[in-house]
Amino acid sequence: MAKLGKRTRSAREAFAGKENVSVEEAVELIKANATAKFDETVEIALNLGVDPRHADQMVRGVVSLPNGTGKTVRVAVFARGPKADEATAAGADIVGAEDLMETIQGGTIEFDRCIATPDMMPIVGRLGKILGPRNLMPNPKVGTVTMDVKAAVEAAKGGEVQFKAEKAGVVHCGVGKASFDAGKLAENIRAFVDAVQKARPTGAKGTYMKKVSVSSTMGPGVSISVDSATGN
């Protein structure tokens, strides 16, 4: 068995016996033990009572975190003509059409969010097997297939995050950086949980939100009381 480092042992000791704590206590624990040499991301994971293999139990949505993510989001836009110019002016990192499709097909994906105007979807559709598994496929349900590319680019750059349930019914996302003020992290966490709560699908039966936990990039996780996370 590998020997644990001093920092890892210390973090595990600090988290020992801590379960179903309040959002505020979880944030303080995470911040106090995020001691890596870089600004660690604070990540949230929600275990939901759904089976995403069934269409009526899929959980998908988008939320603008009130205090942003602390991450620089690289945005690619599929557009032509004036809409391409609009995307560039709004701050998109990559703008293109067939050329962008060929770049992606060649294995180069240098963006975190992909936006497309509706007329570009026949081209984007060819990339489904590449973008789909990475949760990068433009989708009108989350506002990434739109004629208002300016608003979409600005939202992506301003702290908007997308979420989608994975096979096991888990939704996870980065909700800020360890350097964030504790109150701002707590606000982001509750905003994210609220968005997932509101995205409850019609096919979900029984307990919907089973477990909420947070961790930093290099640290252990701690479970949060669902009532505290949902503000009940």
Protein backbone atom coordinates (compact mmCIF):
# COMPACT_ATOMS: atom_id res chain seq x y z
CA MET A 1 0.00 0.00 0.00
CA ALA A 2 1.39 3.39 -0.97
CA LYS A 3 2.45 5.62 1.89
CA LEU A 4 0.31 8.73 2.23
CA GLY A 5 2.01 12.11 2.14
CA LYS A 6 1.93 14.43 5.13
CA ARG A 7 -0.52 16.82 3.42
CA THR A 8 -2.90 13.98 2.49
CA ARG A 9 -2.80 12.49 5.99
CA SER A 10 -3.46 15.87 7.55
CA ALA A 11 -6.45 16.50 5.26
CA ARG A 12 -7.94 13.09 5.94
CA GLU A 13 -7.61 13.61 9.68
CA ALA A 14 -9.35 16.99 9.40
CA PHE A 15 -12.23 15.42 7.47
CA ALA A 16 -12.57 12.34 9.72
CA GLY A 17 -16.06 12.00 11.15
CA LYS A 18 -17.36 14.92 9.12
CA GLU A 19 -20.55 13.87 7.32
CA ASN A 20 -23.68 15.73 6.29
CA VAL A 21 -22.29 19.03 7.48
CA SER A 22 -23.68 22.45 6.55
CA VAL A 23 -22.59 24.16 3.34
CA GLU A 24 -20.66 26.71 5.38
CA GLU A 25 -18.76 24.09 7.41
CA ALA A 26 -17.94 22.14 4.24
CA VAL A 27 -16.56 25.26 2.56
CA GLU A 28 -14.37 26.09 5.55
CA LEU A 29 -13.00 22.52 5.61
CA ILE A 30 -12.26 22.57 1.88
CA LYS A 31 -10.57 25.98 2.01
CA ALA A 32 -8.45 25.11 5.05
CA ASN A 33 -7.15 21.92 3.45
CA ALA A 34 -6.63 23.08 -0.14
CA THR A 35 -2.89 23.47 0.26
CA ALA A 36 -1.61 22.57 -3.20
CA LYS A 37 0.79 24.94 -4.94
CA PHE A 38 -1.97 26.04 -7.32
CA ASP A 39 -5.44 27.47 -6.79
CA GLU A 40 -7.50 24.31 -6.49
CA THR A 41 -10.95 24.04 -8.05
CA VAL A 42 -13.84 23.37 -5.67
CA GLU A 43 -15.96 20.62 -7.19
CA ILE A 44 -19.46 19.48 -6.32
CA ALA A 45 -21.00 16.07 -6.98
CA LEU A 46 -24.69 15.26 -6.66
CA ASN A 47 -25.94 11.67 -6.52
CA LEU A 48 -29.46 11.66 -7.94
CA GLY A 49 -32.21 9.08 -7.85
CA VAL A 50 -32.47 8.84 -11.63
CA ASP A 51 -31.45 6.48 -14.43
CA PRO A 52 -30.32 8.71 -17.31
CA ARG A 53 -30.64 5.79 -19.73
CA HIS A 54 -34.36 6.57 -19.73
CA ALA A 55 -35.30 9.75 -21.60
CA ASP A 56 -37.79 10.84 -18.92
CA GLN A 57 -35.11 10.62 -16.24
CA MET A 58 -32.36 12.62 -17.97
CA VAL A 59 -31.15 15.62 -15.99
CA ARG A 60 -29.65 18.43 -18.05
CA GLY A 61 -29.47 22.16 -17.64
CA VAL A 62 -27.47 25.33 -17.32
CA VAL A 63 -26.92 27.79 -14.49
CA SER A 64 -25.09 31.09 -14.11
CA LEU A 65 -23.09 30.91 -10.91
CA PRO A 66 -23.48 34.26 -9.11
CA ASN A 67 -19.74 34.54 -8.45
CA GLY A 68 -18.39 32.84 -11.56
CA THR A 69 -16.16 29.77 -11.65
CA GLY A 70 -12.76 31.40 -11.48
CA LYS A 71 -11.89 29.50 -14.64
CA THR A 72 -11.05 31.00 -18.01
CA VAL A 73 -13.56 29.40 -20.38
CA ARG A 74 -12.50 28.93 -23.99
CA VAL A 75 -15.45 29.26 -26.35
CA ALA A 76 -15.77 27.97 -29.92
CA VAL A 77 -18.57 29.21 -32.19
CA PHE A 78 -19.85 27.71 -35.42
CA ALA A 79 -21.12 30.64 -37.45
CA ARG A 80 -20.74 32.47 -40.77
CA GLY A 81 -20.84 36.07 -41.94
CA PRO A 82 -22.21 38.71 -39.57
CA LYS A 83 -22.84 36.11 -36.84
CA ALA A 84 -19.21 35.03 -37.00
CA ASP A 85 -18.18 38.68 -36.63
CA GLU A 86 -20.60 39.04 -33.70
CA ALA A 87 -19.07 36.00 -31.98
CA THR A 88 -15.55 37.34 -32.42
CA ALA A 89 -16.54 40.75 -31.07
CA ALA A 90 -18.17 39.10 -28.04
CA GLY A 91 -14.89 37.38 -27.15
CA ALA A 92 -15.16 33.92 -28.71
CA ASP A 93 -11.78 32.19 -28.84
CA ILE A 94 -12.42 30.19 -32.01
CA VAL A 95 -14.92 30.95 -34.78
CA GLY A 96 -15.43 28.93 -37.93
CA ALA A 97 -17.57 26.59 -40.02
CA GLU A 98 -16.26 23.73 -42.18
CA ASP A 99 -12.71 24.65 -41.20
CA LEU A 100 -13.54 24.31 -37.52
CA MET A 101 -15.27 20.99 -38.17
CA GLU A 102 -12.15 19.67 -39.89
CA THR A 103 -9.95 20.86 -37.03
CA ILE A 104 -12.10 18.98 -34.51
CA GLN A 105 -12.22 15.87 -36.72
CA GLY A 106 -8.43 16.02 -36.76
CA GLY A 107 -8.38 15.64 -32.98
CA THR A 108 -7.78 19.25 -31.93
CA ILE A 109 -10.33 20.42 -29.35
CA GLU A 110 -9.06 23.59 -27.73
CA PHE A 111 -12.28 24.86 -26.15
CA ASP A 112 -14.54 24.27 -23.14
CA ARG A 113 -17.87 25.40 -24.64
CA CYS A 114 -19.26 25.06 -28.14
CA ILE A 115 -21.96 27.35 -29.52
CA ALA A 116 -23.62 27.22 -32.95
CA THR A 117 -26.17 29.15 -34.96
CA PRO A 118 -29.09 26.91 -36.07
CA ASP A 119 -27.98 26.92 -39.73
CA MET A 120 -24.65 25.38 -38.67
CA MET A 121 -26.17 22.28 -37.11
CA PRO A 122 -25.91 20.10 -40.27
CA ILE A 123 -22.14 20.60 -40.01
CA VAL A 124 -21.99 20.30 -36.23
CA GLY A 125 -24.14 17.16 -36.39
CA ARG A 126 -21.26 15.32 -38.05
CA LEU A 127 -19.25 15.83 -34.86
CA GLY A 128 -21.74 14.17 -32.53
CA LYS A 129 -19.53 11.17 -31.76
CA ILE A 130 -16.63 13.48 -30.88
CA LEU A 131 -18.38 16.31 -29.02
CA GLY A 132 -21.21 14.29 -27.45
CA PRO A 133 -19.11 12.19 -25.04
CA ARG A 134 -17.29 15.36 -23.94
CA ASN A 135 -20.58 17.15 -23.22
CA LEU A 136 -19.60 19.79 -25.80
CA MET A 137 -22.38 19.24 -28.33
CA PRO A 138 -24.41 22.44 -28.89
CA ASN A 139 -27.96 22.02 -27.64
CA PRO A 140 -30.92 24.44 -27.86
CA LYS A 141 -32.12 23.28 -24.42
CA VAL A 142 -29.08 24.88 -22.76
CA GLY A 143 -28.88 27.89 -25.05
CA THR A 144 -25.88 26.85 -27.12
CA VAL A 145 -27.81 26.60 -30.40
CA THR A 146 -28.93 30.17 -30.89
CA MET A 147 -28.92 33.17 -33.17
CA ASP A 148 -27.98 35.37 -30.20
CA VAL A 149 -24.33 34.31 -30.22
CA LYS A 150 -23.26 37.48 -28.43
CA ALA A 151 -25.34 36.65 -25.35
CA ALA A 152 -24.30 32.99 -25.44
CA VAL A 153 -20.59 33.80 -25.61
CA GLU A 154 -20.85 36.41 -22.84
CA ALA A 155 -22.79 33.96 -20.62
CA ALA A 156 -20.20 31.23 -21.13
CA LYS A 157 -17.39 33.65 -20.32
CA GLY A 158 -19.24 35.08 -17.33
CA GLY A 159 -19.67 31.98 -15.17
CA GLU A 160 -22.46 30.00 -16.82
CA VAL A 161 -21.99 26.24 -16.43
CA GLN A 162 -23.78 23.31 -18.01
CA PHE A 163 -24.61 20.08 -16.20
CA LYS A 164 -25.74 16.64 -17.30
CA ALA A 165 -26.33 13.44 -15.38
CA GLU A 166 -23.89 10.64 -16.11
CA LYS A 167 -24.80 6.95 -16.33
CA ALA A 168 -24.82 6.42 -12.57
CA GLY A 169 -27.09 9.43 -12.02
CA VAL A 170 -24.21 11.67 -10.87
CA VAL A 171 -23.97 15.35 -11.75
CA HIS A 172 -20.67 17.11 -11.06
CA CYS A 173 -19.25 20.54 -11.74
CA GLY A 174 -16.60 23.04 -10.66
CA VAL A 175 -18.24 25.76 -8.56
CA GLY A 176 -15.30 28.06 -7.88
CA LYS A 177 -11.73 28.20 -6.62
CA ALA A 178 -10.34 27.55 -3.15
CA SER A 179 -9.18 31.18 -3.08
CA PHE A 180 -12.79 32.41 -3.29
CA ASP A 181 -14.36 34.05 -0.28
CA ALA A 182 -16.20 31.40 1.77
CA GLY A 183 -19.53 33.20 1.41
CA LYS A 184 -19.20 33.35 -2.37
CA LEU A 185 -18.40 29.65 -2.59
CA ALA A 186 -21.43 28.81 -0.45
CA GLU A 187 -23.59 31.00 -2.69
CA ASN A 188 -22.32 29.25 -5.81
CA ILE A 189 -22.92 25.80 -4.29
CA ARG A 190 -26.52 26.62 -3.38
CA ALA A 191 -27.17 28.17 -6.81
CA PHE A 192 -25.92 25.00 -8.52
CA VAL A 193 -27.92 22.67 -6.27
CA ASP A 194 -31.03 24.81 -6.81
CA ALA A 195 -30.64 24.57 -10.59
CA VAL A 196 -30.30 20.78 -10.47
CA GLN A 197 -33.30 20.62 -8.14
CA LYS A 198 -35.40 22.61 -10.60
CA ALA A 199 -34.24 20.33 -13.44
CA ARG A 200 -35.89 17.29 -11.79
CA PRO A 201 -37.27 15.19 -14.65
CA THR A 202 -40.84 13.92 -14.79
CA GLY A 203 -39.70 10.30 -14.58
CA ALA A 204 -37.81 10.70 -11.30
CA LYS A 205 -39.46 8.68 -8.52
CA GLY A 206 -38.77 8.60 -4.80
CA THR A 207 -35.81 10.53 -3.37
CA TYR A 208 -34.38 12.73 -6.09
CA MET A 209 -31.36 14.28 -4.41
CA LYS A 210 -29.64 11.49 -2.49
CA LYS A 211 -26.24 12.94 -1.67
CA VAL A 212 -24.33 16.19 -2.07
CA SER A 213 -20.56 16.30 -1.61
CA VAL A 214 -17.78 18.78 -2.32
CA SER A 215 -14.02 18.48 -2.62
CA SER A 216 -11.04 20.42 -3.89
CA THR A 217 -8.90 19.20 -6.78
CA MET A 218 -6.33 17.50 -4.55
CA GLY A 219 -8.33 17.04 -1.36
CA PRO A 220 -10.78 14.51 0.07
CA GLY A 221 -14.51 15.03 -0.20
CA VAL A 222 -17.05 15.91 2.45
CA SER A 223 -20.79 15.29 2.30
CA ILE A 224 -23.18 18.17 2.80
CA SER A 225 -26.61 17.96 4.37
CA VAL A 226 -29.13 18.01 1.52
CA ASP A 227 -31.33 20.34 3.59
CA SER A 228 -28.46 22.79 4.00
CA ALA A 229 -27.60 22.63 0.31
CA THR A 230 -31.21 23.21 -0.77
CA GLY A 231 -31.87 25.88 1.85
CA ASN A 232 -34.60 23.88 3.58
